[in-house]
Amino acid sequence: MNRMFDDPHASIAELADQCVMCGLCLPHCPTYALDGTEAESPRGRIQLARALADGTLTGELDAARLHLDHCLSCRQCERVCPSQVRFGELMVRTRALIGPAPQRPSRLLRLLSRPRLTQMIAVATRLARAPRWMPALLRRFGMARDSAMLAALRMLDTSRPPRPTPRTVAPSSTQHASARTRVALYPGCVASVKDRAALEAAASLLEAAGFDVHRLPARCCGAMDRHDGLSARAANAASATERAWREAGAIDTVLTVTPGCLDTLGHDLPQARVEDVLGFLARHADRLRFAPLRLRVALHVPCSRRNGPRDEADVQTLLKRIPGLELRVLPVSAGCCGAAGSHALTFPTRAERLRALTLAPLADLAVDCLLSSNIGCRLHLAAGDRALPTEHPLSLLARQLESA
């Protein structure tokens, strides 16, 4: 745990010194593409982080820190960096030094990190059809269009979350249940409410592949707090996650349906093997059979998957096992869709610009559905195109699952 929450002063300079200032990352940075300024690039942010750490940047910091707050932590720059700068870790430590962005909607995010409250609000807003009329009412009473509350309402679906309809299948393994490998399924916070269909689908697929699934309690892993500079809150979340894992028997493999939780869960549970369900199933795909489906789908690969485990090819291989499915990968035109943890609520206007760039290629793909495995990305993208159905790839896979 200490490697995650220690004093950032000791390591920021060391991490920043890995950068040779070559600038190869600039064309790949989404915020640099938006603004075209050095301060909105990885290289510029590294210089700002170094200056903050060594004390050369003092006085009024609002203008300087805004560029750090705008960073999406997509880690697109890490993929092309010849010096292998650990930019994601550098941003975590720098934000721990300066604290969260002043614009961050902390109360709203604290609420969303509590699954029971989130569930109650989701049901209430759906029954009242609040996303249809409340934004106009709030704007009439003076709320700015780029407020976090309005952004959250735009991301809420007025319909009931789709429930998976997996086929009844027998496990492919002939072993007795007690002899099957046990895995833990981590529900998360928002995902436990808005991605329940994917969680049920994950359990069905894992059991069909011969695994015994233990569901951990729904709770926040602390990813957004960690990335936003709230180290103490993130540490508390990490302790609670580890405690729940140990109470469940310290299961070797912990799986999540949301790749946005992967990095933080890996830090929370260093003794476990933390993986995304899709990547895990791809290695055991020979145990699963799927019914044919005539459908053309677009696959959005979240930054947390593309630049974290980098297993996008495995996910495509798994989906291509569905006979008749036409898979189109959404081009990485923007580098990031703009959801980026709390970014879509903290800087809604910037997030909408990135979303528009991400969705633009869909016009040429002519697909029936958009798939994305990260709950934040999927809600954000759905708010930009209400006409196009969106779902988790696991839900689609579970519906097509055949008996072994």
Protein backbone atom coordinates (compact mmCIF):
# COMPACT_ATOMS: atom_id res chain seq x y z
CA MET A 1 0.00 0.00 0.00
CA ASN A 2 2.79 2.44 0.81
CA ARG A 3 3.97 2.61 -2.79
CA MET A 4 0.61 4.13 -3.68
CA PHE A 5 0.04 6.64 -0.90
CA ASP A 6 3.49 7.78 0.25
CA ASP A 7 4.65 11.41 0.17
CA PRO A 8 4.62 12.44 -3.51
CA HIS A 9 7.52 14.89 -3.03
CA ALA A 10 10.04 12.07 -2.95
CA SER A 11 9.23 10.63 -6.35
CA ILE A 12 7.77 13.35 -8.61
CA ALA A 13 11.18 14.69 -9.62
CA GLU A 14 12.50 11.19 -10.29
CA LEU A 15 9.50 10.33 -12.46
CA ALA A 16 9.70 13.66 -14.30
CA ASP A 17 13.42 13.21 -14.99
CA GLN A 18 12.66 10.12 -17.08
CA CYS A 19 11.24 12.43 -19.76
CA VAL A 20 13.76 13.48 -22.45
CA MET A 21 11.40 16.17 -23.83
CA CYS A 22 11.36 14.62 -27.32
CA GLY A 23 7.73 15.57 -27.94
CA LEU A 24 6.72 12.28 -29.59
CA CYS A 25 3.74 12.13 -27.25
CA LEU A 26 2.22 15.44 -28.35
CA PRO A 27 0.31 14.19 -31.44
CA HIS A 28 -1.22 11.41 -29.35
CA CYS A 29 -2.47 13.58 -26.47
CA PRO A 30 -6.23 14.31 -26.63
CA THR A 31 -6.00 17.59 -24.72
CA TYR A 32 -3.13 18.82 -26.88
CA ALA A 33 -5.31 18.08 -29.90
CA LEU A 34 -8.10 20.18 -28.38
CA ASP A 35 -6.04 23.22 -27.40
CA GLY A 36 -2.74 23.02 -29.29
CA THR A 37 -0.73 24.48 -26.39
CA GLU A 38 2.39 23.08 -24.74
CA ALA A 39 0.84 23.30 -21.28
CA GLU A 40 -1.95 20.95 -22.42
CA SER A 41 0.54 18.28 -23.48
CA PRO A 42 2.26 15.52 -21.47
CA ARG A 43 5.60 17.30 -21.87
CA GLY A 44 4.18 20.56 -20.55
CA ARG A 45 2.51 18.83 -17.61
CA ILE A 46 5.74 17.07 -16.70
CA GLN A 47 7.47 20.45 -16.55
CA LEU A 48 4.69 21.83 -14.36
CA ALA A 49 4.86 18.80 -12.04
CA ARG A 50 8.61 19.16 -11.68
CA ALA A 51 8.29 22.87 -10.88
CA LEU A 52 5.62 22.20 -8.27
CA ALA A 53 7.70 19.49 -6.63
CA ASP A 54 10.95 21.44 -6.43
CA GLY A 55 9.28 24.68 -5.33
CA THR A 56 10.20 26.81 -8.37
CA LEU A 57 6.50 27.27 -9.16
CA THR A 58 4.97 29.25 -6.31
CA GLY A 59 2.39 31.96 -5.71
CA GLU A 60 -0.93 31.88 -7.57
CA LEU A 61 -1.21 28.34 -8.96
CA ASP A 62 -4.73 28.39 -10.43
CA ALA A 63 -3.65 28.92 -14.04
CA ALA A 64 -0.90 26.30 -13.85
CA ARG A 65 -2.94 23.68 -12.05
CA LEU A 66 -5.83 23.97 -14.55
CA HIS A 67 -3.61 22.33 -17.17
CA LEU A 68 -2.88 19.49 -14.75
CA ASP A 69 -6.57 19.17 -13.91
CA HIS A 70 -7.44 18.95 -17.61
CA CYS A 71 -5.32 15.80 -17.99
CA LEU A 72 -7.52 12.78 -18.71
CA SER A 73 -5.00 10.26 -17.34
CA CYS A 74 -5.71 8.22 -20.47
CA ARG A 75 -2.02 7.24 -20.66
CA GLN A 76 -2.08 7.44 -24.42
CA CYS A 77 1.33 9.10 -24.14
CA GLU A 78 2.79 6.05 -22.38
CA ARG A 79 2.17 3.88 -25.44
CA VAL A 80 4.47 5.96 -27.63
CA CYS A 81 7.04 7.15 -25.08
CA PRO A 82 10.56 5.91 -25.99
CA SER A 83 11.73 6.60 -22.42
CA GLN A 84 8.84 4.67 -20.87
CA VAL A 85 7.85 7.55 -18.61
CA ARG A 86 5.27 6.38 -16.06
CA PHE A 87 3.04 9.37 -16.72
CA GLY A 88 -0.03 7.93 -15.03
CA GLU A 89 1.83 7.44 -11.79
CA LEU A 90 3.37 10.90 -12.11
CA MET A 91 -0.10 12.47 -12.37
CA VAL A 92 -1.39 10.51 -9.38
CA ARG A 93 1.47 11.76 -7.24
CA THR A 94 1.27 15.33 -8.52
CA ARG A 95 -2.44 15.54 -7.83
CA ALA A 96 -1.85 14.10 -4.37
CA LEU A 97 0.48 17.07 -3.86
CA ILE A 98 -1.91 19.79 -5.04
CA GLY A 99 -5.27 18.22 -4.18
CA PRO A 100 -8.43 17.87 -6.29
CA ALA A 101 -9.54 20.37 -8.93
CA PRO A 102 -11.59 23.25 -7.51
CA GLN A 103 -14.29 22.46 -10.12
CA ARG A 104 -14.58 18.83 -8.98
CA PRO A 105 -18.18 18.02 -7.90
CA SER A 106 -17.08 16.27 -4.71
CA ARG A 107 -20.53 15.86 -3.15
CA LEU A 108 -21.98 14.33 -6.29
CA LEU A 109 -19.03 11.97 -6.67
CA ARG A 110 -19.24 10.90 -3.02
CA LEU A 111 -22.89 10.05 -3.60
CA LEU A 112 -22.09 8.05 -6.74
CA SER A 113 -19.47 6.07 -4.82
CA ARG A 114 -22.23 4.66 -2.56
CA PRO A 115 -24.08 1.94 -4.49
CA ARG A 116 -27.27 1.89 -2.40
CA LEU A 117 -27.79 5.63 -2.69
CA THR A 118 -26.95 5.52 -6.39
CA GLN A 119 -29.53 2.77 -6.87
CA MET A 120 -32.23 4.76 -5.08
CA ILE A 121 -31.51 7.87 -7.15
CA ALA A 122 -31.38 5.90 -10.40
CA VAL A 123 -34.80 4.37 -9.71
CA ALA A 124 -36.30 7.72 -8.67
CA THR A 125 -35.00 9.58 -11.72
CA ARG A 126 -36.19 6.80 -14.03
CA LEU A 127 -39.70 6.71 -12.56
CA ALA A 128 -39.97 10.50 -12.64
CA ARG A 129 -38.38 10.68 -16.12
CA ALA A 130 -36.21 13.40 -14.60
CA PRO A 131 -33.60 13.56 -17.40
CA ARG A 132 -36.36 14.65 -19.79
CA TRP A 133 -37.58 17.70 -17.88
CA MET A 134 -35.20 18.50 -15.04
CA PRO A 135 -32.30 19.93 -17.14
CA ALA A 136 -34.58 22.58 -18.68
CA LEU A 137 -36.00 23.42 -15.26
CA LEU A 138 -32.57 23.75 -13.67
CA ARG A 139 -31.33 25.95 -16.52
CA ARG A 140 -34.41 28.13 -16.11
CA PHE A 141 -33.41 28.69 -12.49
CA GLY A 142 -29.91 29.73 -13.51
CA MET A 143 -27.88 26.54 -13.50
CA ALA A 144 -25.11 26.70 -16.10
CA ARG A 145 -25.32 24.21 -18.95
CA ASP A 146 -21.83 22.91 -18.15
CA SER A 147 -22.66 22.12 -14.51
CA ALA A 148 -21.88 18.67 -13.14
CA MET A 149 -25.50 18.03 -12.19
CA LEU A 150 -26.76 18.63 -15.71
CA ALA A 151 -23.95 16.49 -17.11
CA ALA A 152 -24.95 13.67 -14.75
CA LEU A 153 -28.61 13.95 -15.76
CA ARG A 154 -27.68 13.77 -19.43
CA MET A 155 -25.80 10.54 -18.73
CA LEU A 156 -28.75 8.91 -16.95
CA ASP A 157 -30.90 6.62 -19.04
CA THR A 158 -34.65 7.13 -18.60
CA SER A 159 -35.37 3.50 -19.41
CA ARG A 160 -34.92 0.52 -17.13
CA PRO A 161 -31.35 -0.86 -17.38
CA PRO A 162 -31.38 -3.88 -19.71
CA ARG A 163 -31.23 -7.24 -18.00
CA PRO A 164 -29.19 -10.03 -19.55
CA THR A 165 -30.98 -13.06 -20.92
CA PRO A 166 -28.20 -15.65 -20.83
CA ARG A 167 -29.13 -19.14 -21.89
CA THR A 168 -29.17 -21.87 -19.29
CA VAL A 169 -25.87 -23.63 -19.72
CA ALA A 170 -23.96 -26.37 -18.02
CA PRO A 171 -20.32 -25.74 -17.07
CA SER A 172 -17.92 -27.01 -19.69
CA SER A 173 -15.84 -28.67 -17.00
CA THR A 174 -16.94 -32.05 -15.72
CA GLN A 175 -15.23 -31.44 -12.38
CA HIS A 176 -17.23 -31.33 -9.17
CA ALA A 177 -17.98 -27.75 -8.10
CA SER A 178 -15.61 -28.01 -5.12
CA ALA A 179 -12.73 -28.83 -7.48
CA ARG A 180 -13.34 -25.94 -9.85
CA THR A 181 -11.12 -22.87 -9.78
CA ARG A 182 -12.62 -20.10 -7.68
CA VAL A 183 -12.60 -16.49 -8.87
CA ALA A 184 -13.88 -13.31 -7.22
CA LEU A 185 -16.10 -10.87 -9.11
CA TYR A 186 -15.74 -7.24 -8.03
CA PRO A 187 -18.98 -5.24 -8.65
CA GLY A 188 -17.63 -1.71 -8.10
CA CYS A 189 -19.85 1.27 -7.23
CA VAL A 190 -21.61 2.86 -10.23
CA ALA A 191 -21.07 -0.35 -12.19
CA SER A 192 -22.92 -2.36 -9.53
CA VAL A 193 -26.01 -0.26 -10.31
CA LYS A 194 -25.75 0.73 -13.98
CA ASP A 195 -23.88 -2.40 -15.12
CA ARG A 196 -25.85 -5.08 -13.32
CA ALA A 197 -26.62 -6.72 -16.64
CA ALA A 198 -22.90 -7.05 -17.35
CA LEU A 199 -22.22 -8.45 -13.87
CA GLU A 200 -24.90 -11.13 -14.32
CA ALA A 201 -23.55 -11.87 -17.77
CA ALA A 202 -20.01 -12.18 -16.40
CA ALA A 203 -21.13 -14.68 -13.78
CA SER A 204 -22.97 -16.76 -16.42
CA LEU A 205 -20.00 -16.82 -18.77
CA LEU A 206 -17.48 -17.63 -16.05
CA GLU A 207 -19.62 -20.46 -14.70
CA ALA A 208 -20.11 -21.83 -18.22
CA ALA A 209 -16.33 -21.78 -18.64
CA GLY A 210 -15.96 -23.93 -15.53
CA PHE A 211 -15.22 -21.39 -12.79
CA ASP A 212 -16.81 -20.99 -9.38
CA VAL A 213 -17.75 -17.32 -8.96
CA HIS A 214 -17.75 -15.54 -5.61
CA ARG A 215 -19.23 -12.04 -5.66
CA LEU A 216 -17.49 -9.47 -3.51
CA PRO A 217 -19.56 -6.71 -1.85
CA ALA A 218 -20.47 -3.72 -4.01
CA ARG A 219 -18.27 -0.79 -3.06
CA CYS A 220 -16.02 1.89 -4.53
CA CYS A 221 -12.40 0.91 -5.18
CA GLY A 222 -11.30 4.55 -4.84
CA ALA A 223 -10.12 4.98 -8.42
CA MET A 224 -11.59 8.44 -8.94
CA ASP A 225 -10.35 9.67 -5.55
CA ARG A 226 -6.90 8.31 -6.30
CA HIS A 227 -6.72 9.92 -9.73
CA ASP A 228 -8.13 13.21 -8.44
CA GLY A 229 -5.63 13.70 -5.61
CA LEU A 230 -7.71 12.57 -2.61
CA SER A 231 -5.10 10.18 -1.25
CA ALA A 232 -6.63 9.71 2.21
CA ARG A 233 -10.05 8.77 0.82
CA ALA A 234 -8.43 6.46 -1.72
CA ALA A 235 -6.42 4.80 1.04
CA ASN A 236 -9.60 4.20 3.05
CA ALA A 237 -11.26 2.64 0.02
CA ALA A 238 -8.19 0.46 -0.57
CA SER A 239 -8.27 -0.79 3.03
CA ALA A 240 -11.98 -1.61 2.78
CA THR A 241 -11.44 -3.44 -0.51
CA GLU A 242 -8.59 -5.49 0.91
CA ARG A 243 -10.62 -6.31 4.02
CA ALA A 244 -13.57 -7.54 1.93
CA TRP A 245 -11.21 -9.63 -0.21
CA ARG A 246 -9.61 -11.26 2.84
CA GLU A 247 -13.01 -11.95 4.41
CA ALA A 248 -13.95 -13.75 1.18
CA GLY A 249 -10.94 -16.03 1.59
CA ALA A 250 -8.24 -14.04 -0.27
CA ILE A 251 -9.19 -15.56 -3.61
CA ASP A 252 -6.21 -15.59 -5.98
CA THR A 253 -8.01 -14.10 -9.01
CA VAL A 254 -10.15 -10.96 -8.75
CA LEU A 255 -12.12 -9.95 -11.84
CA THR A 256 -13.90 -6.73 -12.74
CA VAL A 257 -16.30 -5.86 -15.56
CA THR A 258 -15.05 -2.25 -15.57
CA PRO A 259 -11.47 -1.72 -16.80
CA GLY A 260 -11.47 1.71 -15.12
CA CYS A 261 -11.10 -0.14 -11.79
CA LEU A 262 -8.21 -2.34 -12.93
CA ASP A 263 -5.24 -0.15 -12.08
CA THR A 264 -6.53 0.84 -8.63
CA LEU A 265 -7.61 -2.70 -7.74
CA GLY A 266 -4.15 -3.88 -8.70
CA HIS A 267 -2.70 -1.44 -6.16
CA ASP A 268 -5.35 -2.27 -3.55
CA LEU A 269 -4.75 -6.03 -3.83
CA PRO A 270 -1.07 -6.58 -4.67
CA GLN A 271 -1.27 -10.21 -3.53
CA ALA A 272 -4.09 -11.04 -5.95
CA ARG A 273 -4.13 -11.36 -9.72
CA VAL A 274 -6.51 -8.62 -10.83
CA GLU A 275 -7.92 -8.89 -14.35
CA ASP A 276 -10.74 -7.71 -16.54
CA VAL A 277 -13.39 -10.38 -17.14
CA LEU A 278 -13.18 -10.07 -20.94
CA GLY A 279 -9.42 -10.54 -21.02
CA PHE A 280 -9.69 -13.47 -18.60
CA LEU A 281 -12.41 -15.18 -20.65
CA ALA A 282 -10.46 -14.67 -23.87
CA ARG A 283 -7.80 -17.07 -22.53
CA HIS A 284 -10.49 -19.67 -21.86
CA ALA A 285 -12.58 -19.01 -24.96
CA ASP A 286 -12.25 -22.62 -26.15
CA ARG A 287 -14.59 -23.60 -23.30
CA LEU A 288 -17.43 -21.45 -24.64
CA ARG A 289 -19.71 -21.78 -27.64
CA PHE A 290 -21.95 -19.06 -29.01
CA ALA A 291 -25.08 -19.05 -31.15
CA PRO A 292 -24.96 -17.20 -34.50
CA LEU A 293 -26.03 -13.58 -34.61
CA ARG A 294 -26.54 -11.38 -37.66
CA LEU A 295 -25.54 -8.01 -36.28
CA ARG A 296 -23.03 -5.31 -37.08
CA VAL A 297 -21.54 -3.76 -33.94
CA ALA A 298 -18.93 -1.12 -33.20
CA LEU A 299 -16.46 -1.80 -30.40
CA HIS A 300 -15.24 1.16 -28.37
CA VAL A 301 -11.99 0.28 -26.60
CA PRO A 302 -11.67 2.36 -23.40
CA CYS A 303 -8.34 4.03 -22.60
CA SER A 304 -8.15 2.00 -19.40
CA ARG A 305 -8.07 -1.17 -21.52
CA ARG A 306 -6.11 0.11 -24.51
CA ASN A 307 -3.36 1.72 -22.43
CA GLY A 308 -3.55 -0.46 -19.31
CA PRO A 309 -3.61 -4.23 -19.93
CA ARG A 310 -3.48 -3.54 -23.69
CA ASP A 311 -5.61 -6.60 -24.38
CA GLU A 312 -7.93 -5.12 -27.00
CA ALA A 313 -6.95 -7.86 -29.46
CA ASP A 314 -8.06 -10.54 -26.99
CA VAL A 315 -11.45 -8.89 -26.61
CA GLN A 316 -11.94 -8.77 -30.37
CA THR A 317 -10.97 -12.43 -30.65
CA LEU A 318 -13.59 -13.34 -28.05
CA LEU A 319 -16.35 -11.38 -29.78
CA LYS A 320 -15.44 -12.84 -33.16
CA ARG A 321 -16.30 -16.29 -31.82
CA ILE A 322 -19.96 -15.34 -32.30
CA PRO A 323 -20.78 -16.65 -35.82
CA GLY A 324 -22.21 -13.98 -38.11
CA LEU A 325 -21.28 -11.03 -35.90
CA GLU A 326 -19.71 -8.17 -37.86
CA LEU A 327 -17.28 -6.34 -35.62
CA ARG A 328 -16.03 -2.83 -36.37
CA VAL A 329 -13.51 -1.26 -34.01
CA LEU A 330 -14.21 2.41 -33.40
CA PRO A 331 -11.13 4.36 -34.55
CA VAL A 332 -9.11 6.12 -31.86
CA SER A 333 -9.57 9.50 -33.48
CA ALA A 334 -9.76 11.53 -30.25
CA GLY A 335 -7.51 9.31 -28.12
CA CYS A 336 -10.09 9.43 -25.32
CA CYS A 337 -13.88 9.76 -25.33
CA GLY A 338 -13.74 12.37 -22.57
CA ALA A 339 -15.40 10.38 -19.76
CA ALA A 340 -12.07 9.80 -17.98
CA GLY A 341 -13.28 9.07 -14.46
CA SER A 342 -14.65 12.32 -13.04
CA HIS A 343 -13.62 14.45 -16.04
CA ALA A 344 -17.03 14.30 -17.75
CA LEU A 345 -18.60 15.82 -14.62
CA THR A 346 -15.77 18.20 -13.76
CA PHE A 347 -15.26 19.62 -17.25
CA PRO A 348 -18.45 18.71 -19.18
CA THR A 349 -17.86 21.03 -22.15
CA ARG A 350 -14.39 19.66 -22.84
CA ALA A 351 -15.70 16.12 -22.41
CA GLU A 352 -18.47 16.77 -24.95
CA ARG A 353 -15.92 17.98 -27.52
CA LEU A 354 -13.91 14.78 -27.11
CA ARG A 355 -17.07 12.68 -27.27
CA ALA A 356 -18.09 14.29 -30.57
CA LEU A 357 -14.69 13.39 -32.04
CA THR A 358 -15.04 9.82 -30.78
CA LEU A 359 -18.54 9.30 -32.16
CA ALA A 360 -17.90 10.96 -35.54
CA PRO A 361 -16.64 7.76 -37.29
CA LEU A 362 -19.91 5.95 -36.47
CA ALA A 363 -21.59 7.67 -39.41
CA ASP A 364 -19.40 5.70 -41.81
CA LEU A 365 -19.52 2.39 -39.91
CA ALA A 366 -23.33 1.96 -40.15
CA VAL A 367 -23.61 -0.27 -37.07
CA ASP A 368 -26.61 -1.56 -35.12
CA CYS A 369 -25.08 -1.27 -31.67
CA LEU A 370 -22.14 0.25 -29.81
CA LEU A 371 -20.20 -1.88 -27.32
CA SER A 372 -18.00 -0.49 -24.56
CA SER A 373 -16.76 -2.28 -21.46
CA ASN A 374 -16.25 0.79 -19.25
CA ILE A 375 -19.41 2.05 -17.55
CA GLY A 376 -18.32 5.71 -17.49
CA CYS A 377 -17.45 5.66 -21.18
CA ARG A 378 -20.67 3.92 -22.13
CA LEU A 379 -22.94 6.34 -20.24
CA HIS A 380 -21.00 9.29 -21.64
CA LEU A 381 -21.12 8.02 -25.22
CA ALA A 382 -24.80 7.09 -24.96
CA ALA A 383 -25.60 10.66 -23.92
CA GLY A 384 -24.09 11.80 -27.21
CA ASP A 385 -26.17 9.47 -29.41
CA ARG A 386 -29.46 8.41 -27.85
CA ALA A 387 -30.60 6.67 -31.03
CA LEU A 388 -27.81 4.07 -31.02
CA PRO A 389 -28.19 1.16 -28.54
CA THR A 390 -25.19 0.69 -26.27
CA GLU A 391 -24.22 -2.20 -24.02
CA HIS A 392 -21.36 -4.08 -22.42
CA PRO A 393 -19.75 -6.76 -24.63
CA LEU A 394 -20.36 -9.29 -21.84
CA SER A 395 -24.12 -8.82 -22.14
CA LEU A 396 -24.01 -9.61 -25.84
CA LEU A 397 -21.79 -12.65 -25.28
CA ALA A 398 -24.03 -14.02 -22.54
CA ARG A 399 -27.16 -13.75 -24.70
CA GLN A 400 -25.49 -15.84 -27.41
CA LEU A 401 -24.05 -18.42 -25.05
CA GLU A 402 -24.86 -22.03 -25.97
CA SER A 403 -24.81 -25.17 -23.85
CA ALA A 404 -21.50 -27.00 -23.84
